Amino acid sequence: MLSLKHFILQKRVLNLYRFAIRASRCIPDQQARFETIAWFRVEIERNRHLADLDAIENKLNVVMREVRQVLQSF
């Protein structure tokens, strides 16, 4: 059974995904946009099995930083 903290982190992941999708609209090259979205989706799926709260929060912070770096380059 998932705790309240797990549900909060799940919401943060969904918000991060939405942020990445919206922010990728500024990428002028359509192929690069699709690759960026696909990369982000793979990152989420790859870490789907995580159950440790600290590991999830750490991974969220790392991915958020990576998304901002990728999107700032465009």
PDB file of N, CA and C in Angstrom:
ATOM      1  N   MET A   1       0.839  -1.178   0.000  1.00  0.00           N
ATOM      2  CA  MET A   1       0.000   0.000   0.000  1.00  0.00           C
ATOM      3  C   MET A   1       0.882   1.239   0.000  1.00  0.00           C
ATOM      4  N   LEU A   2       0.491   2.233  -0.779  1.00  0.00           N
ATOM      5  CA  LEU A   2       1.273   3.447  -0.904  1.00  0.00           C
ATOM      6  C   LEU A   2       0.883   4.455   0.170  1.00  0.00           C
ATOM      7  N   SER A   3       1.881   5.171   0.630  1.00  0.00           N
ATOM      8  CA  SER A   3       1.644   6.183   1.646  1.00  0.00           C
ATOM      9  C   SER A   3       1.225   7.503   0.986  1.00  0.00           C
ATOM     10  N   LEU A   4       0.855   8.450   1.818  1.00  0.00           N
ATOM     11  CA  LEU A   4       0.495   9.772   1.320  1.00  0.00           C
ATOM     12  C   LEU A   4       1.677  10.413   0.603  1.00  0.00           C
ATOM     13  N   LYS A   5       2.865  10.214   1.122  1.00  0.00           N
ATOM     14  CA  LYS A   5       4.070  10.785   0.506  1.00  0.00           C
ATOM     15  C   LYS A   5       4.285  10.222  -0.901  1.00  0.00           C
ATOM     16  N   HIS A   6       3.980   8.923  -1.098  1.00  0.00           N
ATOM     17  CA  HIS A   6       4.094   8.330  -2.424  1.00  0.00           C
ATOM     18  C   HIS A   6       3.129   9.007  -3.408  1.00  0.00           C
ATOM     19  N   PHE A   7       1.920   9.270  -2.966  1.00  0.00           N
ATOM     20  CA  PHE A   7       0.950   9.926  -3.830  1.00  0.00           C
ATOM     21  C   PHE A   7       1.379  11.360  -4.162  1.00  0.00           C
ATOM     22  N   ILE A   8       1.965  12.041  -3.201  1.00  0.00           N
ATOM     23  CA  ILE A   8       2.458  13.401  -3.440  1.00  0.00           C
ATOM     24  C   ILE A   8       3.593  13.378  -4.456  1.00  0.00           C
ATOM     25  N   LEU A   9       4.490  12.432  -4.304  1.00  0.00           N
ATOM     26  CA  LEU A   9       5.597  12.320  -5.253  1.00  0.00           C
ATOM     27  C   LEU A   9       5.102  11.916  -6.639  1.00  0.00           C
ATOM     28  N   GLN A  10       4.079  11.093  -6.684  1.00  0.00           N
ATOM     29  CA  GLN A  10       3.502  10.700  -7.965  1.00  0.00           C
ATOM     30  C   GLN A  10       2.942  11.934  -8.676  1.00  0.00           C
ATOM     31  N   LYS A  11       2.303  12.799  -7.920  1.00  0.00           N
ATOM     32  CA  LYS A  11       1.771  14.043  -8.485  1.00  0.00           C
ATOM     33  C   LYS A  11       2.903  14.938  -8.989  1.00  0.00           C
ATOM     34  N   ARG A  12       4.007  14.983  -8.253  1.00  0.00           N
ATOM     35  CA  ARG A  12       5.157  15.773  -8.691  1.00  0.00           C
ATOM     36  C   ARG A  12       5.735  15.245  -9.991  1.00  0.00           C
ATOM     37  N   VAL A  13       5.771  13.928 -10.132  1.00  0.00           N
ATOM     38  CA  VAL A  13       6.266  13.322 -11.376  1.00  0.00           C
ATOM     39  C   VAL A  13       5.353  13.701 -12.536  1.00  0.00           C
ATOM     40  N   LEU A  14       4.057  13.610 -12.335  1.00  0.00           N
ATOM     41  CA  LEU A  14       3.115  13.988 -13.394  1.00  0.00           C
ATOM     42  C   LEU A  14       3.242  15.463 -13.753  1.00  0.00           C
ATOM     43  N   ASN A  15       3.417  16.319 -12.758  1.00  0.00           N
ATOM     44  CA  ASN A  15       3.598  17.742 -13.027  1.00  0.00           C
ATOM     45  C   ASN A  15       4.893  17.998 -13.785  1.00  0.00           C
ATOM     46  N   LEU A  16       5.935  17.275 -13.435  1.00  0.00           N
ATOM     47  CA  LEU A  16       7.203  17.412 -14.145  1.00  0.00           C
ATOM     48  C   LEU A  16       7.050  16.962 -15.594  1.00  0.00           C
ATOM     49  N   TYR A  17       6.323  15.890 -15.818  1.00  0.00           N
ATOM     50  CA  TYR A  17       6.080  15.410 -17.175  1.00  0.00           C
ATOM     51  C   TYR A  17       5.310  16.463 -17.987  1.00  0.00           C
ATOM     52  N   ARG A  18       4.277  17.025 -17.394  1.00  0.00           N
ATOM     53  CA  ARG A  18       3.515  18.075 -18.075  1.00  0.00           C
ATOM     54  C   ARG A  18       4.390  19.292 -18.380  1.00  0.00           C
ATOM     55  N   PHE A  19       5.229  19.664 -17.424  1.00  0.00           N
ATOM     56  CA  PHE A  19       6.137  20.782 -17.621  1.00  0.00           C
ATOM     57  C   PHE A  19       7.060  20.518 -18.806  1.00  0.00           C
ATOM     58  N   ALA A  20       7.607  19.303 -18.888  1.00  0.00           N
ATOM     59  CA  ALA A  20       8.521  18.962 -19.972  1.00  0.00           C
ATOM     60  C   ALA A  20       7.808  18.990 -21.325  1.00  0.00           C
ATOM     61  N   ILE A  21       6.590  18.489 -21.367  1.00  0.00           N
ATOM     62  CA  ILE A  21       5.823  18.493 -22.615  1.00  0.00           C
ATOM     63  C   ILE A  21       5.538  19.926 -23.057  1.00  0.00           C
ATOM     64  N   ARG A  22       5.092  20.749 -22.138  1.00  0.00           N
ATOM     65  CA  ARG A  22       4.786  22.145 -22.481  1.00  0.00           C
ATOM     66  C   ARG A  22       6.040  22.913 -22.879  1.00  0.00           C
ATOM     67  N   ALA A  23       7.097  22.705 -22.135  1.00  0.00           N
ATOM     68  CA  ALA A  23       8.335  23.437 -22.409  1.00  0.00           C
ATOM     69  C   ALA A  23       8.977  22.976 -23.714  1.00  0.00           C
ATOM     70  N   SER A  24       8.726  21.745 -24.113  1.00  0.00           N
ATOM     71  CA  SER A  24       9.332  21.251 -25.358  1.00  0.00           C
ATOM     72  C   SER A  24       8.722  21.909 -26.587  1.00  0.00           C
ATOM     73  N   ARG A  25       7.630  22.588 -26.427  1.00  0.00           N
ATOM     74  CA  ARG A  25       7.019  23.287 -27.561  1.00  0.00           C
ATOM     75  C   ARG A  25       7.924  24.372 -28.116  1.00  0.00           C
ATOM     76  N   CYS A  26       8.845  24.867 -27.306  1.00  0.00           N
ATOM     77  CA  CYS A  26       9.747  25.923 -27.765  1.00  0.00           C
ATOM     78  C   CYS A  26      10.886  25.376 -28.624  1.00  0.00           C
ATOM     79  N   ILE A  27      11.033  24.058 -28.725  1.00  0.00           N
ATOM     80  CA  ILE A  27      12.076  23.456 -29.551  1.00  0.00           C
ATOM     81  C   ILE A  27      11.626  23.560 -31.000  1.00  0.00           C
ATOM     82  N   PRO A  28      12.391  24.274 -31.833  1.00  0.00           N
ATOM     83  CA  PRO A  28      11.935  24.523 -33.205  1.00  0.00           C
ATOM     84  C   PRO A  28      11.935  23.271 -34.099  1.00  0.00           C
ATOM     85  N   ASP A  29      12.885  22.397 -33.905  1.00  0.00           N
ATOM     86  CA  ASP A  29      12.987  21.198 -34.736  1.00  0.00           C
ATOM     87  C   ASP A  29      12.038  20.121 -34.205  1.00  0.00           C
ATOM     88  N   GLN A  30      11.107  19.681 -35.050  1.00  0.00           N
ATOM     89  CA  GLN A  30      10.100  18.729 -34.610  1.00  0.00           C
ATOM     90  C   GLN A  30      10.722  17.394 -34.206  1.00  0.00           C
ATOM     91  N   GLN A  31      11.730  16.931 -34.933  1.00  0.00           N
ATOM     92  CA  GLN A  31      12.376  15.664 -34.595  1.00  0.00           C
ATOM     93  C   GLN A  31      13.074  15.754 -33.237  1.00  0.00           C
ATOM     94  N   ALA A  32      13.740  16.869 -32.980  1.00  0.00           N
ATOM     95  CA  ALA A  32      14.395  17.063 -31.686  1.00  0.00           C
ATOM     96  C   ALA A  32      13.365  17.118 -30.560  1.00  0.00           C
ATOM     97  N   ARG A  33      12.220  17.718 -30.830  1.00  0.00           N
ATOM     98  CA  ARG A  33      11.142  17.787 -29.838  1.00  0.00           C
ATOM     99  C   ARG A  33      10.651  16.387 -29.482  1.00  0.00           C
ATOM    100  N   PHE A  34      10.402  15.566 -30.504  1.00  0.00           N
ATOM    101  CA  PHE A  34       9.934  14.201 -30.251  1.00  0.00           C
ATOM    102  C   PHE A  34      10.981  13.371 -29.508  1.00  0.00           C
ATOM    103  N   GLU A  35      12.256  13.550 -29.848  1.00  0.00           N
ATOM    104  CA  GLU A  35      13.319  12.819 -29.164  1.00  0.00           C
ATOM    105  C   GLU A  35      13.442  13.237 -27.703  1.00  0.00           C
ATOM    106  N   THR A  36      13.270  14.528 -27.440  1.00  0.00           N
ATOM    107  CA  THR A  36      13.328  15.025 -26.065  1.00  0.00           C
ATOM    108  C   THR A  36      12.188  14.455 -25.233  1.00  0.00           C
ATOM    109  N   ILE A  37      11.001  14.444 -25.789  1.00  0.00           N
ATOM    110  CA  ILE A  37       9.850  13.888 -25.082  1.00  0.00           C
ATOM    111  C   ILE A  37      10.032  12.398 -24.860  1.00  0.00           C
ATOM    112  N   ALA A  38      10.526  11.703 -25.883  1.00  0.00           N
ATOM    113  CA  ALA A  38      10.761  10.254 -25.758  1.00  0.00           C
ATOM    114  C   ALA A  38      11.811   9.970 -24.689  1.00  0.00           C
ATOM    115  N   TRP A  39      12.872  10.785 -24.634  1.00  0.00           N
ATOM    116  CA  TRP A  39      13.915  10.599 -23.611  1.00  0.00           C
ATOM    117  C   TRP A  39      13.313  10.757 -22.221  1.00  0.00           C
ATOM    118  N   PHE A  40      12.491  11.777 -22.069  1.00  0.00           N
ATOM    119  CA  PHE A  40      11.890  12.023 -20.765  1.00  0.00           C
ATOM    120  C   PHE A  40      10.951  10.887 -20.360  1.00  0.00           C
ATOM    121  N   ARG A  41      10.175  10.406 -21.310  1.00  0.00           N
ATOM    122  CA  ARG A  41       9.251   9.308 -21.032  1.00  0.00           C
ATOM    123  C   ARG A  41      10.019   8.044 -20.626  1.00  0.00           C
ATOM    124  N   VAL A  42      11.137   7.783 -21.291  1.00  0.00           N
ATOM    125  CA  VAL A  42      11.967   6.623 -20.940  1.00  0.00           C
ATOM    126  C   VAL A  42      12.536   6.770 -19.536  1.00  0.00           C
ATOM    127  N   GLU A  43      12.946   7.974 -19.160  1.00  0.00           N
ATOM    128  CA  GLU A  43      13.449   8.212 -17.808  1.00  0.00           C
ATOM    129  C   GLU A  43      12.391   7.886 -16.754  1.00  0.00           C
ATOM    130  N   ILE A  44      11.166   8.291 -17.022  1.00  0.00           N
ATOM    131  CA  ILE A  44      10.088   8.010 -16.075  1.00  0.00           C
ATOM    132  C   ILE A  44       9.835   6.511 -15.984  1.00  0.00           C
ATOM    133  N   GLU A  45       9.747   5.854 -17.131  1.00  0.00           N
ATOM    134  CA  GLU A  45       9.478   4.414 -17.137  1.00  0.00           C
ATOM    135  C   GLU A  45      10.611   3.620 -16.496  1.00  0.00           C
ATOM    136  N   ARG A  46      11.832   4.060 -16.712  1.00  0.00           N
ATOM    137  CA  ARG A  46      12.983   3.346 -16.167  1.00  0.00           C
ATOM    138  C   ARG A  46      13.005   3.390 -14.643  1.00  0.00           C
ATOM    139  N   ASN A  47      12.487   4.443 -14.063  1.00  0.00           N
ATOM    140  CA  ASN A  47      12.500   4.604 -12.611  1.00  0.00           C
ATOM    141  C   ASN A  47      11.148   4.331 -11.967  1.00  0.00           C
ATOM    142  N   ARG A  48      10.271   3.737 -12.692  1.00  0.00           N
ATOM    143  CA  ARG A  48       8.926   3.464 -12.200  1.00  0.00           C
ATOM    144  C   ARG A  48       8.910   2.518 -11.001  1.00  0.00           C
ATOM    145  N   HIS A  49       9.888   1.653 -10.911  1.00  0.00           N
ATOM    146  CA  HIS A  49       9.928   0.630  -9.863  1.00  0.00           C
ATOM    147  C   HIS A  49      10.400   1.157  -8.507  1.00  0.00           C
ATOM    148  N   LEU A  50      10.924   2.367  -8.462  1.00  0.00           N
ATOM    149  CA  LEU A  50      11.462   2.904  -7.212  1.00  0.00           C
ATOM    150  C   LEU A  50      10.375   3.004  -6.145  1.00  0.00           C
ATOM    151  N   ALA A  51      10.718   2.587  -4.942  1.00  0.00           N
ATOM    152  CA  ALA A  51       9.770   2.656  -3.831  1.00  0.00           C
ATOM    153  C   ALA A  51      10.311   3.475  -2.661  1.00  0.00           C
ATOM    154  N   ASP A  52      11.626   3.638  -2.605  1.00  0.00           N
ATOM    155  CA  ASP A  52      12.255   4.403  -1.531  1.00  0.00           C
ATOM    156  C   ASP A  52      11.980   5.893  -1.741  1.00  0.00           C
ATOM    157  N   LEU A  53      11.410   6.531  -0.740  1.00  0.00           N
ATOM    158  CA  LEU A  53      11.011   7.926  -0.869  1.00  0.00           C
ATOM    159  C   LEU A  53      12.186   8.847  -1.143  1.00  0.00           C
ATOM    160  N   ASP A  54      13.297   8.628  -0.465  1.00  0.00           N
ATOM    161  CA  ASP A  54      14.477   9.469  -0.680  1.00  0.00           C
ATOM    162  C   ASP A  54      15.018   9.303  -2.091  1.00  0.00           C
ATOM    163  N   ALA A  55      15.022   8.080  -2.589  1.00  0.00           N
ATOM    164  CA  ALA A  55      15.508   7.823  -3.941  1.00  0.00           C
ATOM    165  C   ALA A  55      14.596   8.487  -4.975  1.00  0.00           C
ATOM    166  N   ILE A  56      13.303   8.444  -4.743  1.00  0.00           N
ATOM    167  CA  ILE A  56      12.355   9.070  -5.669  1.00  0.00           C
ATOM    168  C   ILE A  56      12.549  10.584  -5.687  1.00  0.00           C
ATOM    169  N   GLU A  57      12.651  11.182  -4.512  1.00  0.00           N
ATOM    170  CA  GLU A  57      12.858  12.630  -4.445  1.00  0.00           C
ATOM    171  C   GLU A  57      14.172  13.036  -5.085  1.00  0.00           C
ATOM    172  N   ASN A  58      15.217  12.271  -4.843  1.00  0.00           N
ATOM    173  CA  ASN A  58      16.515  12.554  -5.436  1.00  0.00           C
ATOM    174  C   ASN A  58      16.435  12.466  -6.957  1.00  0.00           C
ATOM    175  N   LYS A  59      15.809  11.437  -7.462  1.00  0.00           N
ATOM    176  CA  LYS A  59      15.681  11.258  -8.907  1.00  0.00           C
ATOM    177  C   LYS A  59      14.828  12.362  -9.512  1.00  0.00           C
ATOM    178  N   LEU A  60      13.784  12.777  -8.831  1.00  0.00           N
ATOM    179  CA  LEU A  60      12.966  13.890  -9.312  1.00  0.00           C
ATOM    180  C   LEU A  60      13.795  15.165  -9.468  1.00  0.00           C
ATOM    181  N   ASN A  61      14.608  15.450  -8.475  1.00  0.00           N
ATOM    182  CA  ASN A  61      15.453  16.641  -8.535  1.00  0.00           C
ATOM    183  C   ASN A  61      16.466  16.555  -9.671  1.00  0.00           C
ATOM    184  N   VAL A  62      17.054  15.384  -9.854  1.00  0.00           N
ATOM    185  CA  VAL A  62      18.041  15.202 -10.921  1.00  0.00           C
ATOM    186  C   VAL A  62      17.390  15.371 -12.289  1.00  0.00           C
ATOM    187  N   VAL A  63      16.244  14.742 -12.481  1.00  0.00           N
ATOM    188  CA  VAL A  63      15.561  14.823 -13.777  1.00  0.00           C
ATOM    189  C   VAL A  63      15.078  16.238 -14.043  1.00  0.00           C
ATOM    190  N   MET A  64      14.594  16.922 -13.028  1.00  0.00           N
ATOM    191  CA  MET A  64      14.161  18.312 -13.209  1.00  0.00           C
ATOM    192  C   MET A  64      15.333  19.186 -13.661  1.00  0.00           C
ATOM    193  N   ARG A  65      16.472  18.981 -13.051  1.00  0.00           N
ATOM    194  CA  ARG A  65      17.670  19.729 -13.442  1.00  0.00           C
ATOM    195  C   ARG A  65      18.048  19.407 -14.891  1.00  0.00           C
ATOM    196  N   GLU A  66      17.986  18.128 -15.270  1.00  0.00           N
ATOM    197  CA  GLU A  66      18.332  17.726 -16.630  1.00  0.00           C
ATOM    198  C   GLU A  66      17.352  18.303 -17.649  1.00  0.00           C
ATOM    199  N   VAL A  67      16.082  18.286 -17.329  1.00  0.00           N
ATOM    200  CA  VAL A  67      15.071  18.834 -18.233  1.00  0.00           C
ATOM    201  C   VAL A  67      15.318  20.317 -18.446  1.00  0.00           C
ATOM    202  N   ARG A  68      15.584  21.046 -17.392  1.00  0.00           N
ATOM    203  CA  ARG A  68      15.849  22.486 -17.522  1.00  0.00           C
ATOM    204  C   ARG A  68      17.094  22.745 -18.355  1.00  0.00           C
ATOM    205  N   GLN A  69      18.134  21.939 -18.184  1.00  0.00           N
ATOM    206  CA  GLN A  69      19.355  22.120 -18.969  1.00  0.00           C
ATOM    207  C   GLN A  69      19.109  21.837 -20.437  1.00  0.00           C
ATOM    208  N   VAL A  70      18.391  20.780 -20.726  1.00  0.00           N
ATOM    209  CA  VAL A  70      18.109  20.432 -22.124  1.00  0.00           C
ATOM    210  C   VAL A  70      17.263  21.507 -22.775  1.00  0.00           C
ATOM    211  N   LEU A  71      16.238  21.952 -22.069  1.00  0.00           N
ATOM    212  CA  LEU A  71      15.334  22.928 -22.668  1.00  0.00           C
ATOM    213  C   LEU A  71      15.948  24.327 -22.744  1.00  0.00           C
ATOM    214  N   GLN A  72      16.889  24.653 -21.887  1.00  0.00           N
ATOM    215  CA  GLN A  72      17.546  25.952 -21.958  1.00  0.00           C
ATOM    216  C   GLN A  72      18.483  26.021 -23.148  1.00  0.00           C
ATOM    217  N   SER A  73      18.951  24.872 -23.628  1.00  0.00           N
ATOM    218  CA  SER A  73      19.873  24.879 -24.763  1.00  0.00           C
ATOM    219  C   SER A  73      19.152  25.259 -26.059  1.00  0.00           C
ATOM    220  N   PHE A  74      17.842  25.210 -26.053  1.00  0.00           N
ATOM    221  CA  PHE A  74      17.076  25.588 -27.246  1.00  0.00           C
ATOM    222  C   PHE A  74      16.608  26.978 -27.064  1.00  0.00           C
TER     223      PHE A  74
END
